[in-house]
Amino acid sequence: MTMPTISRRITFLIGEEGLPAWKLNRLKTLAGLFRSVTVFCNLSQRNAANAEQPIRILSLSSRPNDLCQLLIEGNDAELAAMVLTDFAAEHGTLVCGGKRAKATPTSAFISLPFPYQVYQAPQSNLDKHALLAEFALRVADNENREDTTQEALFNALYTRENVSSTCMGNGVALPHVMTPLVSQIHVFIASTAQPLDWLSKRGEVTRVIGVMLPKPPVREHIVAFSTFSQQLLDKTFCRYLEENTSLDIVETIVLHSLETALTNH
């Protein structure tokens, strides 16, 4: 009987010193101790290389604070992950991996210059309208304002969908509105139990990233979220959102991309 292949992911931010050759040689040595294949993936730069090819990784031009993953696949991936998690923690900021099954809260390493709330709905069985209603309910409960009701927020989302579908393609939908009914940014991250019909010619979705922005918006809101929406046109970026089943990691990818957009602007 063939044993199922084990897969593990270690998510981390590159430290201030970056990844000089001596660190990558250490990674090569550690990865070579196991039969599993380890791939270094820089989510920020959208590129990857085998962990046992340090020269190739150097050519990826990774920078401090880039969000990265070590993707480990093989029969001894569990043991390899435990060892390589220590490497990631020593030379960067560990987000998730090894013994740390639950991701570190994003507030510990991501700083945005505006208040925001994030909600998650993992493996949802809801249809499109029910997901929008769930997003509206979460926001209404958080805002706790007399005029900010679930119905009013749902109507805003539904009206936006009637203008044109917010399916971005590549399995991701971005329902979004700008409204005076909210006082801060709200982000809703959902994964679907099955591919969901978003009533779009661009296909079904498995990840829903909902956004509500206060109106009028501030400059930082526009810069961060306009850049993020452009990234959702990138197949590789969307693949990262789909391949990571943990919504904590998806949240990290989303918020880190917002932070990077503001830093680079």
Protein backbone atom coordinates (compact mmCIF):
# COMPACT_ATOMS: atom_id res chain seq x y z
CA MET A 1 0.00 0.00 0.00
CA THR A 2 1.32 3.43 -0.98
CA MET A 3 1.59 5.84 1.94
CA PRO A 4 0.03 9.27 1.37
CA THR A 5 2.51 12.10 0.86
CA ILE A 6 2.75 14.49 3.79
CA SER A 7 2.84 18.24 3.13
CA ARG A 8 3.77 21.01 5.54
CA ARG A 9 4.13 24.80 5.24
CA ILE A 10 6.26 27.14 7.32
CA THR A 11 5.32 30.81 7.00
CA PHE A 12 7.73 33.55 8.05
CA LEU A 13 8.96 37.08 7.40
CA ILE A 14 12.58 37.59 6.37
CA GLY A 15 14.58 39.32 9.09
CA GLU A 16 16.37 42.67 8.88
CA GLU A 17 19.63 41.06 7.72
CA GLY A 18 17.92 39.45 4.75
CA LEU A 19 19.05 36.04 3.50
CA PRO A 20 22.80 36.19 2.80
CA ALA A 21 24.61 33.22 1.28
CA TRP A 22 25.68 31.71 4.60
CA LYS A 23 22.08 31.48 5.79
CA LEU A 24 20.97 29.90 2.53
CA ASN A 25 23.82 27.38 2.75
CA ARG A 26 22.57 26.50 6.22
CA LEU A 27 19.06 26.06 4.81
CA LYS A 28 20.48 23.80 2.08
CA THR A 29 22.26 21.66 4.68
CA LEU A 30 19.15 21.30 6.84
CA ALA A 31 16.85 20.53 3.90
CA GLY A 32 19.34 17.93 2.64
CA LEU A 33 18.99 15.94 5.87
CA PHE A 34 15.56 14.75 4.79
CA ARG A 35 14.10 12.84 1.86
CA SER A 36 11.27 15.36 1.54
CA VAL A 37 11.52 18.10 -1.06
CA THR A 38 11.63 21.63 0.37
CA VAL A 39 10.81 24.66 -1.78
CA PHE A 40 11.53 28.24 -0.72
CA CYS A 41 8.64 30.45 -1.88
CA ASN A 42 8.75 34.24 -1.63
CA LEU A 43 5.07 35.26 -1.60
CA SER A 44 5.94 38.95 -1.75
CA GLN A 45 8.11 38.62 -4.88
CA ARG A 46 5.99 35.82 -6.45
CA ASN A 47 8.86 33.42 -7.06
CA ALA A 48 10.28 30.16 -5.74
CA ALA A 49 13.29 27.84 -5.81
CA ASN A 50 14.36 24.52 -4.33
CA ALA A 51 15.81 25.03 -0.84
CA GLU A 52 18.88 23.01 -1.84
CA GLN A 53 19.78 25.60 -4.51
CA PRO A 54 21.12 28.62 -2.54
CA ILE A 55 22.46 30.41 -5.64
CA ARG A 56 19.03 30.20 -7.23
CA ILE A 57 17.38 31.57 -4.08
CA LEU A 58 19.90 34.44 -4.01
CA SER A 59 18.83 35.35 -7.55
CA LEU A 60 15.23 35.82 -6.34
CA SER A 61 16.24 39.17 -4.77
CA SER A 62 14.43 38.57 -1.49
CA ARG A 63 14.30 41.55 0.83
CA PRO A 64 13.84 42.11 4.58
CA ASN A 65 10.20 41.78 5.65
CA ASP A 66 9.23 39.76 2.56
CA LEU A 67 6.57 37.18 3.39
CA CYS A 68 7.87 33.69 2.60
CA GLN A 69 7.04 30.02 3.00
CA LEU A 70 8.97 26.78 3.09
CA LEU A 71 6.86 24.17 1.31
CA ILE A 72 7.84 20.66 2.42
CA GLU A 73 6.52 17.50 0.78
CA GLY A 74 7.49 13.89 1.46
CA ASN A 75 7.14 11.04 3.91
CA ASP A 76 9.35 12.72 6.53
CA ALA A 77 7.88 16.22 6.04
CA GLU A 78 6.66 16.34 9.64
CA LEU A 79 10.17 15.91 11.03
CA ALA A 80 11.66 18.24 8.43
CA ALA A 81 9.13 20.92 9.36
CA MET A 82 10.13 20.77 13.01
CA VAL A 83 13.78 21.35 12.12
CA LEU A 84 13.18 24.00 9.46
CA THR A 85 10.77 25.88 11.71
CA ASP A 86 13.68 26.54 14.05
CA PHE A 87 15.66 27.93 11.09
CA ALA A 88 12.79 30.26 10.12
CA ALA A 89 12.36 31.46 13.71
CA GLU A 90 16.10 32.10 14.11
CA HIS A 91 16.52 34.09 10.90
CA GLY A 92 13.18 35.84 10.62
CA THR A 93 9.77 36.27 12.23
CA LEU A 94 7.90 32.98 12.44
CA VAL A 95 4.22 33.29 11.53
CA CYS A 96 3.20 29.63 11.50
CA GLY A 97 4.85 26.23 11.24
CA GLY A 98 6.17 23.21 13.13
CA LYS A 99 4.88 23.17 16.69
CA ARG A 100 3.18 26.52 16.13
CA ALA A 101 0.07 25.13 14.45
CA LYS A 102 -1.88 28.35 14.91
CA ALA A 103 -0.59 31.47 13.22
CA THR A 104 0.78 34.36 15.26
CA PRO A 105 -1.80 37.19 15.37
CA THR A 106 -1.11 39.61 12.51
CA SER A 107 -1.10 42.55 14.95
CA ALA A 108 2.24 41.23 16.25
CA PHE A 109 4.12 41.95 13.00
CA ILE A 110 1.89 43.99 10.66
CA SER A 111 1.28 47.68 11.19
CA LEU A 112 -1.31 49.60 9.18
CA PRO A 113 -1.83 53.37 9.68
CA PHE A 114 -5.59 53.06 10.13
CA PRO A 115 -8.01 51.07 12.30
CA TYR A 116 -9.53 47.92 10.83
CA GLN A 117 -11.40 44.75 11.72
CA VAL A 118 -11.00 41.33 10.13
CA TYR A 119 -13.58 38.53 10.15
CA GLN A 120 -13.16 34.95 8.98
CA ALA A 121 -15.61 32.34 7.65
CA PRO A 122 -13.73 29.09 6.98
CA GLN A 123 -15.14 26.34 4.77
CA SER A 124 -18.46 28.13 4.34
CA ASN A 125 -21.44 26.33 2.82
CA LEU A 126 -23.31 29.61 2.26
CA ASP A 127 -24.27 30.83 -1.21
CA LYS A 128 -23.26 34.23 -2.56
CA HIS A 129 -26.15 36.23 -1.07
CA ALA A 130 -25.89 34.49 2.29
CA LEU A 131 -22.15 35.22 2.46
CA LEU A 132 -22.80 38.90 1.75
CA ALA A 133 -25.47 38.87 4.47
CA GLU A 134 -23.01 37.28 6.90
CA PHE A 135 -20.42 39.95 6.11
CA ALA A 136 -23.05 42.67 6.67
CA LEU A 137 -24.10 41.12 10.00
CA ARG A 138 -20.54 40.93 11.33
CA VAL A 139 -19.90 44.57 10.46
CA ALA A 140 -23.25 45.80 11.85
CA ASP A 141 -22.58 44.02 15.14
CA ASN A 142 -19.10 45.53 15.37
CA GLU A 143 -20.10 49.09 14.46
CA ASN A 144 -23.00 49.03 16.93
CA ARG A 145 -24.61 52.15 15.42
CA GLU A 146 -28.33 52.75 15.08
CA ASP A 147 -28.12 53.53 11.36
CA THR A 148 -25.65 50.77 10.56
CA THR A 149 -27.93 47.77 10.23
CA GLN A 150 -27.33 44.44 8.55
CA GLU A 151 -30.05 45.28 6.03
CA ALA A 152 -28.51 48.62 5.09
CA LEU A 153 -25.04 47.14 4.65
CA PHE A 154 -26.35 44.15 2.70
CA ASN A 155 -28.27 46.47 0.39
CA ALA A 156 -25.06 48.42 -0.27
CA LEU A 157 -23.17 45.23 -1.14
CA TYR A 158 -26.05 43.89 -3.24
CA THR A 159 -26.38 47.16 -5.15
CA ARG A 160 -22.66 47.05 -5.95
CA GLU A 161 -22.99 43.49 -7.24
CA ASN A 162 -25.84 44.57 -9.52
CA VAL A 163 -23.54 47.11 -11.18
CA SER A 164 -21.05 44.36 -12.09
CA SER A 165 -19.93 41.11 -10.49
CA THR A 166 -17.02 41.47 -8.09
CA CYS A 167 -15.55 38.13 -9.15
CA MET A 168 -11.92 38.88 -10.03
CA GLY A 169 -11.28 35.56 -11.72
CA ASN A 170 -8.66 33.02 -10.59
CA GLY A 171 -11.07 31.73 -7.93
CA VAL A 172 -11.33 34.97 -5.94
CA ALA A 173 -14.19 37.43 -5.37
CA LEU A 174 -13.76 40.94 -3.95
CA PRO A 175 -17.16 42.28 -2.81
CA HIS A 176 -16.54 45.87 -1.74
CA VAL A 177 -18.32 49.10 -0.95
CA MET A 178 -17.46 52.58 0.25
CA THR A 179 -20.12 53.81 2.67
CA PRO A 180 -20.67 56.39 5.44
CA LEU A 181 -22.35 53.61 7.43
CA VAL A 182 -18.97 52.39 8.71
CA SER A 183 -16.40 54.26 10.78
CA GLN A 184 -13.39 52.07 9.96
CA ILE A 185 -12.21 49.46 7.45
CA HIS A 186 -13.77 46.00 7.64
CA VAL A 187 -12.27 42.96 5.89
CA PHE A 188 -14.14 39.67 5.53
CA ILE A 189 -12.16 36.56 4.52
CA ALA A 190 -14.04 33.39 3.60
CA SER A 191 -13.15 30.05 2.09
CA THR A 192 -15.87 27.94 0.52
CA ALA A 193 -16.52 24.26 1.14
CA GLN A 194 -17.18 23.86 -2.59
CA PRO A 195 -16.48 26.16 -5.57
CA LEU A 196 -19.13 28.86 -5.40
CA ASP A 197 -21.09 30.38 -8.27
CA TRP A 198 -20.53 34.15 -8.02
CA LEU A 199 -22.81 34.77 -10.99
CA SER A 200 -19.89 35.77 -13.19
CA LYS A 201 -18.45 34.67 -16.52
CA ARG A 202 -15.06 34.69 -14.81
CA GLY A 203 -15.87 31.41 -13.11
CA GLU A 204 -16.49 30.06 -9.64
CA VAL A 205 -14.73 31.22 -6.49
CA THR A 206 -13.19 29.49 -3.49
CA ARG A 207 -11.93 32.61 -1.68
CA VAL A 208 -14.00 35.69 -0.86
CA ILE A 209 -12.22 38.85 0.33
CA GLY A 210 -14.89 41.38 1.35
CA VAL A 211 -14.00 45.01 2.02
CA MET A 212 -15.98 47.93 3.44
CA LEU A 213 -14.34 51.36 3.44
CA PRO A 214 -15.61 54.44 5.28
CA LYS A 215 -16.75 57.35 3.14
CA PRO A 216 -15.10 59.72 2.53
CA PRO A 217 -11.91 57.61 2.47
CA VAL A 218 -8.44 58.80 3.39
CA ARG A 219 -5.47 58.61 1.04
CA GLU A 220 -3.99 55.52 2.75
CA HIS A 221 -7.23 53.58 2.21
CA ILE A 222 -7.19 54.29 -1.53
CA VAL A 223 -3.51 53.46 -1.98
CA ALA A 224 -3.65 50.21 -0.01
CA PHE A 225 -6.83 48.74 -1.46
CA SER A 226 -6.42 49.89 -5.05
CA THR A 227 -3.01 48.21 -5.08
CA PHE A 228 -4.48 45.09 -3.46
CA SER A 229 -7.25 44.86 -6.06
CA GLN A 230 -4.62 44.98 -8.81
CA GLN A 231 -2.78 42.09 -7.17
CA LEU A 232 -5.92 39.98 -7.43
CA LEU A 233 -5.49 40.07 -11.22
CA ASP A 234 -2.25 38.12 -10.74
CA LYS A 235 -2.79 34.36 -11.06
CA THR A 236 0.17 33.56 -8.84
CA PHE A 237 -1.06 35.80 -6.02
CA CYS A 238 -4.53 34.25 -6.21
CA ARG A 239 -2.98 30.78 -6.18
CA TYR A 240 -1.30 31.62 -2.87
CA LEU A 241 -4.70 32.57 -1.44
CA GLU A 242 -6.22 29.30 -2.64
CA GLU A 243 -3.38 26.94 -1.73
CA ASN A 244 -3.23 28.12 1.88
CA THR A 245 -6.17 26.43 3.59
CA SER A 246 -5.61 28.28 6.87
CA LEU A 247 -7.51 31.57 6.82
CA ASP A 248 -5.04 32.91 9.37
CA ILE A 249 -2.37 32.62 6.68
CA VAL A 250 -4.69 34.07 4.03
CA GLU A 251 -5.32 37.00 6.39
CA THR A 252 -1.56 37.42 6.79
CA ILE A 253 -1.08 37.47 3.00
CA VAL A 254 -3.85 40.06 2.56
CA LEU A 255 -2.75 42.40 5.35
CA HIS A 256 0.94 42.10 4.48
CA SER A 257 0.14 43.08 0.89
CA LEU A 258 -1.69 46.17 2.18
CA GLU A 259 1.25 47.11 4.38
CA THR A 260 3.71 46.60 1.53
CA ALA A 261 1.61 48.74 -0.81
CA LEU A 262 1.81 51.65 1.62
CA THR A 263 5.51 51.13 2.30
CA ASN A 264 6.40 51.11 -1.40
CA HIS A 265 4.16 54.01 -2.39
